[in-house]
Amino acid sequence: MKEDQNDSVRRLLREAVAPVGDGEPRRDLWPKMQARLRSSEIQERTAVPWYDWALAAAVAAVALFVPVSIPVLLYYL
């Protein structure tokens, strides 16, 4: 690239990207994050559904009754 092309690319980038500022948030976000983590909505979303437990039981049963399948199961993990 030529020097005048570098300058035009720099100018276009400065126009396209807004300045970040000082980079610090205007307020402390940690208390809000703690409240959100304690909320029941988050706990409901992190609960494991019944079909995940059923799938885990099926995989364990297959591994127990067909031990040859263990390397295949480990390969797909």
PDB file of N, CA and C in Angstrom:
ATOM      1  N   MET A   1       0.836  -1.177   0.000  1.00  0.00           N
ATOM      2  CA  MET A   1       0.000   0.000   0.000  1.00  0.00           C
ATOM      3  C   MET A   1       0.880   1.240   0.000  1.00  0.00           C
ATOM      4  N   LYS A   2       0.394   2.230  -0.643  1.00  0.00           N
ATOM      5  CA  LYS A   2       1.120   3.489  -0.681  1.00  0.00           C
ATOM      6  C   LYS A   2       0.758   4.321   0.538  1.00  0.00           C
ATOM      7  N   GLU A   3       1.559   5.314   0.810  1.00  0.00           N
ATOM      8  CA  GLU A   3       1.349   6.160   1.993  1.00  0.00           C
ATOM      9  C   GLU A   3       0.000   6.877   1.949  1.00  0.00           C
ATOM     10  N   ASP A   4      -0.412   7.354   0.782  1.00  0.00           N
ATOM     11  CA  ASP A   4      -1.702   8.048   0.703  1.00  0.00           C
ATOM     12  C   ASP A   4      -2.861   7.079   0.919  1.00  0.00           C
ATOM     13  N   GLN A   5      -2.687   5.814   0.552  1.00  0.00           N
ATOM     14  CA  GLN A   5      -3.724   4.817   0.823  1.00  0.00           C
ATOM     15  C   GLN A   5      -3.794   4.521   2.323  1.00  0.00           C
ATOM     16  N   ASN A   6      -2.652   4.460   2.988  1.00  0.00           N
ATOM     17  CA  ASN A   6      -2.634   4.259   4.438  1.00  0.00           C
ATOM     18  C   ASN A   6      -3.385   5.384   5.145  1.00  0.00           C
ATOM     19  N   ASP A   7      -3.154   6.607   4.705  1.00  0.00           N
ATOM     20  CA  ASP A   7      -3.828   7.744   5.323  1.00  0.00           C
ATOM     21  C   ASP A   7      -5.331   7.675   5.100  1.00  0.00           C
ATOM     22  N   SER A   8      -5.744   7.285   3.910  1.00  0.00           N
ATOM     23  CA  SER A   8      -7.191   7.205   3.652  1.00  0.00           C
ATOM     24  C   SER A   8      -7.835   6.086   4.457  1.00  0.00           C
ATOM     25  N   VAL A   9      -7.134   4.966   4.625  1.00  0.00           N
ATOM     26  CA  VAL A   9      -7.663   3.869   5.440  1.00  0.00           C
ATOM     27  C   VAL A   9      -7.756   4.302   6.897  1.00  0.00           C
ATOM     28  N   ARG A  10      -6.747   4.982   7.404  1.00  0.00           N
ATOM     29  CA  ARG A  10      -6.782   5.491   8.782  1.00  0.00           C
ATOM     30  C   ARG A  10      -7.962   6.440   8.987  1.00  0.00           C
ATOM     31  N   ARG A  11      -8.160   7.335   8.035  1.00  0.00           N
ATOM     32  CA  ARG A  11      -9.243   8.296   8.138  1.00  0.00           C
ATOM     33  C   ARG A  11     -10.599   7.585   8.128  1.00  0.00           C
ATOM     34  N   LEU A  12     -10.761   6.604   7.249  1.00  0.00           N
ATOM     35  CA  LEU A  12     -12.019   5.856   7.186  1.00  0.00           C
ATOM     36  C   LEU A  12     -12.275   5.072   8.465  1.00  0.00           C
ATOM     37  N   LEU A  13     -11.230   4.483   9.026  1.00  0.00           N
ATOM     38  CA  LEU A  13     -11.390   3.759  10.284  1.00  0.00           C
ATOM     39  C   LEU A  13     -11.774   4.687  11.429  1.00  0.00           C
ATOM     40  N   ARG A  14     -11.171   5.850  11.500  1.00  0.00           N
ATOM     41  CA  ARG A  14     -11.513   6.806  12.550  1.00  0.00           C
ATOM     42  C   ARG A  14     -12.944   7.291  12.420  1.00  0.00           C
ATOM     43  N   GLU A  15     -13.435   7.417  11.205  1.00  0.00           N
ATOM     44  CA  GLU A  15     -14.823   7.832  10.995  1.00  0.00           C
ATOM     45  C   GLU A  15     -15.798   6.707  11.335  1.00  0.00           C
ATOM     46  N   ALA A  16     -15.415   5.464  11.052  1.00  0.00           N
ATOM     47  CA  ALA A  16     -16.325   4.331  11.233  1.00  0.00           C
ATOM     48  C   ALA A  16     -16.443   3.891  12.687  1.00  0.00           C
ATOM     49  N   VAL A  17     -15.349   3.973  13.450  1.00  0.00           N
ATOM     50  CA  VAL A  17     -15.338   3.478  14.813  1.00  0.00           C
ATOM     51  C   VAL A  17     -15.451   4.656  15.769  1.00  0.00           C
ATOM     52  N   ALA A  18     -16.461   4.574  16.638  1.00  0.00           N
ATOM     53  CA  ALA A  18     -16.661   5.643  17.618  1.00  0.00           C
ATOM     54  C   ALA A  18     -15.571   5.577  18.685  1.00  0.00           C
ATOM     55  N   PRO A  19     -15.167   6.712  19.227  1.00  0.00           N
ATOM     56  CA  PRO A  19     -14.153   6.690  20.290  1.00  0.00           C
ATOM     57  C   PRO A  19     -14.696   6.010  21.540  1.00  0.00           C
ATOM     58  N   VAL A  20     -13.837   5.285  22.225  1.00  0.00           N
ATOM     59  CA  VAL A  20     -14.235   4.509  23.379  1.00  0.00           C
ATOM     60  C   VAL A  20     -14.360   5.392  24.617  1.00  0.00           C
ATOM     61  N   GLY A  21     -13.606   6.406  24.723  1.00  0.00           N
ATOM     62  CA  GLY A  21     -13.608   7.246  25.917  1.00  0.00           C
ATOM     63  C   GLY A  21     -12.535   6.777  26.871  1.00  0.00           C
ATOM     64  N   ASP A  22     -12.804   6.913  28.173  1.00  0.00           N
ATOM     65  CA  ASP A  22     -11.791   6.512  29.150  1.00  0.00           C
ATOM     66  C   ASP A  22     -11.819   5.015  29.435  1.00  0.00           C
ATOM     67  N   GLY A  23     -12.830   4.289  28.977  1.00  0.00           N
ATOM     68  CA  GLY A  23     -12.887   2.847  29.139  1.00  0.00           C
ATOM     69  C   GLY A  23     -13.472   2.377  30.456  1.00  0.00           C
ATOM     70  N   GLU A  24     -13.763   3.256  31.363  1.00  0.00           N
ATOM     71  CA  GLU A  24     -14.336   2.894  32.652  1.00  0.00           C
ATOM     72  C   GLU A  24     -15.856   3.035  32.608  1.00  0.00           C
ATOM     73  N   PRO A  25     -16.595   2.103  33.209  1.00  0.00           N
ATOM     74  CA  PRO A  25     -18.051   2.262  33.269  1.00  0.00           C
ATOM     75  C   PRO A  25     -18.431   3.431  34.179  1.00  0.00           C
ATOM     76  N   ARG A  26     -19.601   3.980  33.941  1.00  0.00           N
ATOM     77  CA  ARG A  26     -20.043   5.131  34.730  1.00  0.00           C
ATOM     78  C   ARG A  26     -20.439   4.762  36.149  1.00  0.00           C
ATOM     79  N   ARG A  27     -20.766   3.488  36.368  1.00  0.00           N
ATOM     80  CA  ARG A  27     -21.143   3.053  37.720  1.00  0.00           C
ATOM     81  C   ARG A  27     -20.616   1.642  37.941  1.00  0.00           C
ATOM     82  N   ASP A  28     -20.667   1.207  39.185  1.00  0.00           N
ATOM     83  CA  ASP A  28     -20.200  -0.130  39.527  1.00  0.00           C
ATOM     84  C   ASP A  28     -21.265  -1.143  39.133  1.00  0.00           C
ATOM     85  N   LEU A  29     -20.903  -2.120  38.330  1.00  0.00           N
ATOM     86  CA  LEU A  29     -21.857  -3.098  37.829  1.00  0.00           C
ATOM     87  C   LEU A  29     -21.928  -4.364  38.674  1.00  0.00           C
ATOM     88  N   TRP A  30     -20.999  -4.549  39.610  1.00  0.00           N
ATOM     89  CA  TRP A  30     -20.960  -5.783  40.373  1.00  0.00           C
ATOM     90  C   TRP A  30     -22.186  -5.998  41.261  1.00  0.00           C
ATOM     91  N   PRO A  31     -22.704  -5.011  41.991  1.00  0.00           N
ATOM     92  CA  PRO A  31     -23.910  -5.260  42.799  1.00  0.00           C
ATOM     93  C   PRO A  31     -25.103  -5.689  41.951  1.00  0.00           C
ATOM     94  N   LYS A  32     -25.257  -5.105  40.786  1.00  0.00           N
ATOM     95  CA  LYS A  32     -26.354  -5.496  39.911  1.00  0.00           C
ATOM     96  C   LYS A  32     -26.161  -6.934  39.423  1.00  0.00           C
ATOM     97  N   MET A  33     -24.922  -7.315  39.152  1.00  0.00           N
ATOM     98  CA  MET A  33     -24.637  -8.677  38.708  1.00  0.00           C
ATOM     99  C   MET A  33     -24.908  -9.677  39.818  1.00  0.00           C
ATOM    100  N   GLN A  34     -24.550  -9.338  41.050  1.00  0.00           N
ATOM    101  CA  GLN A  34     -24.827 -10.232  42.173  1.00  0.00           C
ATOM    102  C   GLN A  34     -26.323 -10.413  42.374  1.00  0.00           C
ATOM    103  N   ALA A  35     -27.084  -9.334  42.265  1.00  0.00           N
ATOM    104  CA  ALA A  35     -28.533  -9.442  42.416  1.00  0.00           C
ATOM    105  C   ALA A  35     -29.129 -10.315  41.321  1.00  0.00           C
ATOM    106  N   ARG A  36     -28.599 -10.195  40.136  1.00  0.00           N
ATOM    107  CA  ARG A  36     -29.111 -11.005  39.026  1.00  0.00           C
ATOM    108  C   ARG A  36     -28.784 -12.481  39.225  1.00  0.00           C
ATOM    109  N   LEU A  37     -27.588 -12.766  39.740  1.00  0.00           N
ATOM    110  CA  LEU A  37     -27.216 -14.152  39.981  1.00  0.00           C
ATOM    111  C   LEU A  37     -28.064 -14.777  41.085  1.00  0.00           C
ATOM    112  N   ARG A  38     -28.476 -13.991  42.049  1.00  0.00           N
ATOM    113  CA  ARG A  38     -29.302 -14.495  43.145  1.00  0.00           C
ATOM    114  C   ARG A  38     -30.772 -14.643  42.769  1.00  0.00           C
ATOM    115  N   SER A  39     -31.174 -14.045  41.682  1.00  0.00           N
ATOM    116  CA  SER A  39     -32.587 -14.081  41.315  1.00  0.00           C
ATOM    117  C   SER A  39     -33.022 -15.499  40.963  1.00  0.00           C
ATOM    118  N   SER A  40     -34.291 -15.759  41.124  1.00  0.00           N
ATOM    119  CA  SER A  40     -34.814 -17.097  40.860  1.00  0.00           C
ATOM    120  C   SER A  40     -34.837 -17.399  39.371  1.00  0.00           C
ATOM    121  N   GLU A  41     -34.875 -16.367  38.535  1.00  0.00           N
ATOM    122  CA  GLU A  41     -34.904 -16.584  37.094  1.00  0.00           C
ATOM    123  C   GLU A  41     -33.643 -17.303  36.626  1.00  0.00           C
ATOM    124  N   ILE A  42     -32.507 -16.897  37.147  1.00  0.00           N
ATOM    125  CA  ILE A  42     -31.240 -17.528  36.781  1.00  0.00           C
ATOM    126  C   ILE A  42     -31.215 -18.959  37.294  1.00  0.00           C
ATOM    127  N   GLN A  43     -31.698 -19.178  38.511  1.00  0.00           N
ATOM    128  CA  GLN A  43     -31.686 -20.517  39.076  1.00  0.00           C
ATOM    129  C   GLN A  43     -32.612 -21.447  38.309  1.00  0.00           C
ATOM    130  N   GLU A  44     -33.720 -20.926  37.805  1.00  0.00           N
ATOM    131  CA  GLU A  44     -34.619 -21.758  37.009  1.00  0.00           C
ATOM    132  C   GLU A  44     -33.979 -22.115  35.680  1.00  0.00           C
ATOM    133  N   ARG A  45     -33.233 -21.193  35.081  1.00  0.00           N
ATOM    134  CA  ARG A  45     -32.603 -21.473  33.797  1.00  0.00           C
ATOM    135  C   ARG A  45     -31.442 -22.441  33.932  1.00  0.00           C
ATOM    136  N   THR A  46     -30.808 -22.504  35.107  1.00  0.00           N
ATOM    137  CA  THR A  46     -29.667 -23.395  35.275  1.00  0.00           C
ATOM    138  C   THR A  46     -30.081 -24.764  35.791  1.00  0.00           C
ATOM    139  N   ALA A  47     -31.363 -24.976  36.067  1.00  0.00           N
ATOM    140  CA  ALA A  47     -31.828 -26.285  36.506  1.00  0.00           C
ATOM    141  C   ALA A  47     -31.716 -27.267  35.342  1.00  0.00           C
ATOM    142  N   VAL A  48     -31.334 -28.493  35.661  1.00  0.00           N
ATOM    143  CA  VAL A  48     -31.156 -29.514  34.629  1.00  0.00           C
ATOM    144  C   VAL A  48     -32.508 -30.172  34.359  1.00  0.00           C
ATOM    145  N   PRO A  49     -32.964 -30.173  33.098  1.00  0.00           N
ATOM    146  CA  PRO A  49     -34.261 -30.793  32.787  1.00  0.00           C
ATOM    147  C   PRO A  49     -34.215 -32.311  32.915  1.00  0.00           C
ATOM    148  N   TRP A  50     -35.381 -32.912  33.031  1.00  0.00           N
ATOM    149  CA  TRP A  50     -35.482 -34.359  33.244  1.00  0.00           C
ATOM    150  C   TRP A  50     -34.911 -35.158  32.080  1.00  0.00           C
ATOM    151  N   TYR A  51     -35.063 -34.654  30.863  1.00  0.00           N
ATOM    152  CA  TYR A  51     -34.604 -35.422  29.713  1.00  0.00           C
ATOM    153  C   TYR A  51     -33.080 -35.472  29.639  1.00  0.00           C
ATOM    154  N   ASP A  52     -32.394 -34.507  30.242  1.00  0.00           N
ATOM    155  CA  ASP A  52     -30.933 -34.601  30.318  1.00  0.00           C
ATOM    156  C   ASP A  52     -30.519 -35.751  31.237  1.00  0.00           C
ATOM    157  N   TRP A  53     -31.246 -35.892  32.358  1.00  0.00           N
ATOM    158  CA  TRP A  53     -30.962 -37.004  33.259  1.00  0.00           C
ATOM    159  C   TRP A  53     -31.281 -38.336  32.590  1.00  0.00           C
ATOM    160  N   ALA A  54     -32.367 -38.379  31.809  1.00  0.00           N
ATOM    161  CA  ALA A  54     -32.713 -39.608  31.096  1.00  0.00           C
ATOM    162  C   ALA A  54     -31.651 -39.967  30.068  1.00  0.00           C
ATOM    163  N   LEU A  55     -31.146 -38.984  29.355  1.00  0.00           N
ATOM    164  CA  LEU A  55     -30.090 -39.227  28.383  1.00  0.00           C
ATOM    165  C   LEU A  55     -28.814 -39.722  29.064  1.00  0.00           C
ATOM    166  N   ALA A  56     -28.462 -39.121  30.199  1.00  0.00           N
ATOM    167  CA  ALA A  56     -27.284 -39.566  30.941  1.00  0.00           C
ATOM    168  C   ALA A  56     -27.458 -40.998  31.437  1.00  0.00           C
ATOM    169  N   ALA A  57     -28.668 -41.352  31.886  1.00  0.00           N
ATOM    170  CA  ALA A  57     -28.933 -42.717  32.335  1.00  0.00           C
ATOM    171  C   ALA A  57     -28.850 -43.699  31.166  1.00  0.00           C
ATOM    172  N   ALA A  58     -29.341 -43.301  29.996  1.00  0.00           N
ATOM    173  CA  ALA A  58     -29.277 -44.169  28.824  1.00  0.00           C
ATOM    174  C   ALA A  58     -27.825 -44.404  28.403  1.00  0.00           C
ATOM    175  N   VAL A  59     -27.016 -43.374  28.427  1.00  0.00           N
ATOM    176  CA  VAL A  59     -25.602 -43.516  28.062  1.00  0.00           C
ATOM    177  C   VAL A  59     -24.893 -44.414  29.070  1.00  0.00           C
ATOM    178  N   ALA A  60     -25.207 -44.253  30.360  1.00  0.00           N
ATOM    179  CA  ALA A  60     -24.593 -45.097  31.388  1.00  0.00           C
ATOM    180  C   ALA A  60     -25.034 -46.556  31.228  1.00  0.00           C
ATOM    181  N   ALA A  61     -26.296 -46.769  30.873  1.00  0.00           N
ATOM    182  CA  ALA A  61     -26.782 -48.135  30.680  1.00  0.00           C
ATOM    183  C   ALA A  61     -26.104 -48.785  29.484  1.00  0.00           C
ATOM    184  N   VAL A  62     -25.949 -48.028  28.403  1.00  0.00           N
ATOM    185  CA  VAL A  62     -25.267 -48.573  27.226  1.00  0.00           C
ATOM    186  C   VAL A  62     -23.819 -48.910  27.573  1.00  0.00           C
ATOM    187  N   ALA A  63     -23.164 -48.039  28.305  1.00  0.00           N
ATOM    188  CA  ALA A  63     -21.769 -48.300  28.686  1.00  0.00           C
ATOM    189  C   ALA A  63     -21.672 -49.499  29.625  1.00  0.00           C
ATOM    190  N   LEU A  64     -22.687 -49.700  30.461  1.00  0.00           N
ATOM    191  CA  LEU A  64     -22.671 -50.822  31.403  1.00  0.00           C
ATOM    192  C   LEU A  64     -22.929 -52.151  30.704  1.00  0.00           C
ATOM    193  N   PHE A  65     -23.914 -52.177  29.796  1.00  0.00           N
ATOM    194  CA  PHE A  65     -24.293 -53.426  29.149  1.00  0.00           C
ATOM    195  C   PHE A  65     -23.480 -53.734  27.891  1.00  0.00           C
ATOM    196  N   VAL A  66     -22.892 -52.725  27.268  1.00  0.00           N
ATOM    197  CA  VAL A  66     -22.082 -52.926  26.070  1.00  0.00           C
ATOM    198  C   VAL A  66     -20.749 -52.217  26.288  1.00  0.00           C
ATOM    199  N   PRO A  67     -19.834 -52.819  27.014  1.00  0.00           N
ATOM    200  CA  PRO A  67     -18.575 -52.149  27.346  1.00  0.00           C
ATOM    201  C   PRO A  67     -17.722 -51.792  26.130  1.00  0.00           C
ATOM    202  N   VAL A  68     -17.956 -52.454  25.020  1.00  0.00           N
ATOM    203  CA  VAL A  68     -17.202 -52.151  23.806  1.00  0.00           C
ATOM    204  C   VAL A  68     -17.526 -50.742  23.314  1.00  0.00           C
ATOM    205  N   SER A  69     -18.677 -50.216  23.704  1.00  0.00           N
ATOM    206  CA  SER A  69     -19.088 -48.891  23.241  1.00  0.00           C
ATOM    207  C   SER A  69     -18.402 -47.740  23.998  1.00  0.00           C
ATOM    208  N   ILE A  70     -17.694 -48.037  25.066  1.00  0.00           N
ATOM    209  CA  ILE A  70     -17.070 -46.991  25.877  1.00  0.00           C
ATOM    210  C   ILE A  70     -16.063 -46.163  25.064  1.00  0.00           C
ATOM    211  N   PRO A  71     -15.168 -46.786  24.283  1.00  0.00           N
ATOM    212  CA  PRO A  71     -14.251 -45.948  23.471  1.00  0.00           C
ATOM    213  C   PRO A  71     -14.994 -45.067  22.466  1.00  0.00           C
ATOM    214  N   VAL A  72     -16.096 -45.579  21.919  1.00  0.00           N
ATOM    215  CA  VAL A  72     -16.872 -44.777  20.967  1.00  0.00           C
ATOM    216  C   VAL A  72     -17.493 -43.583  21.681  1.00  0.00           C
ATOM    217  N   LEU A  73     -18.046 -43.807  22.861  1.00  0.00           N
ATOM    218  CA  LEU A  73     -18.640 -42.713  23.631  1.00  0.00           C
ATOM    219  C   LEU A  73     -17.578 -41.685  24.009  1.00  0.00           C
ATOM    220  N   LEU A  74     -16.408 -42.161  24.408  1.00  0.00           N
ATOM    221  CA  LEU A  74     -15.336 -41.231  24.763  1.00  0.00           C
ATOM    222  C   LEU A  74     -14.832 -40.458  23.560  1.00  0.00           C
ATOM    223  N   TYR A  75     -14.853 -41.085  22.394  1.00  0.00           N
ATOM    224  CA  TYR A  75     -14.429 -40.395  21.181  1.00  0.00           C
ATOM    225  C   TYR A  75     -15.353 -39.213  20.876  1.00  0.00           C
ATOM    226  N   TYR A  76     -16.645 -39.391  21.084  1.00  0.00           N
ATOM    227  CA  TYR A  76     -17.592 -38.324  20.752  1.00  0.00           C
ATOM    228  C   TYR A  76     -17.729 -37.277  21.851  1.00  0.00           C
ATOM    229  N   LEU A  77     -17.054 -37.464  22.973  1.00  0.00           N
ATOM    230  CA  LEU A  77     -17.051 -36.421  23.998  1.00  0.00           C
ATOM    231  C   LEU A  77     -16.071 -35.393  23.551  1.00  0.00           C
TER     232      LEU A  77
END
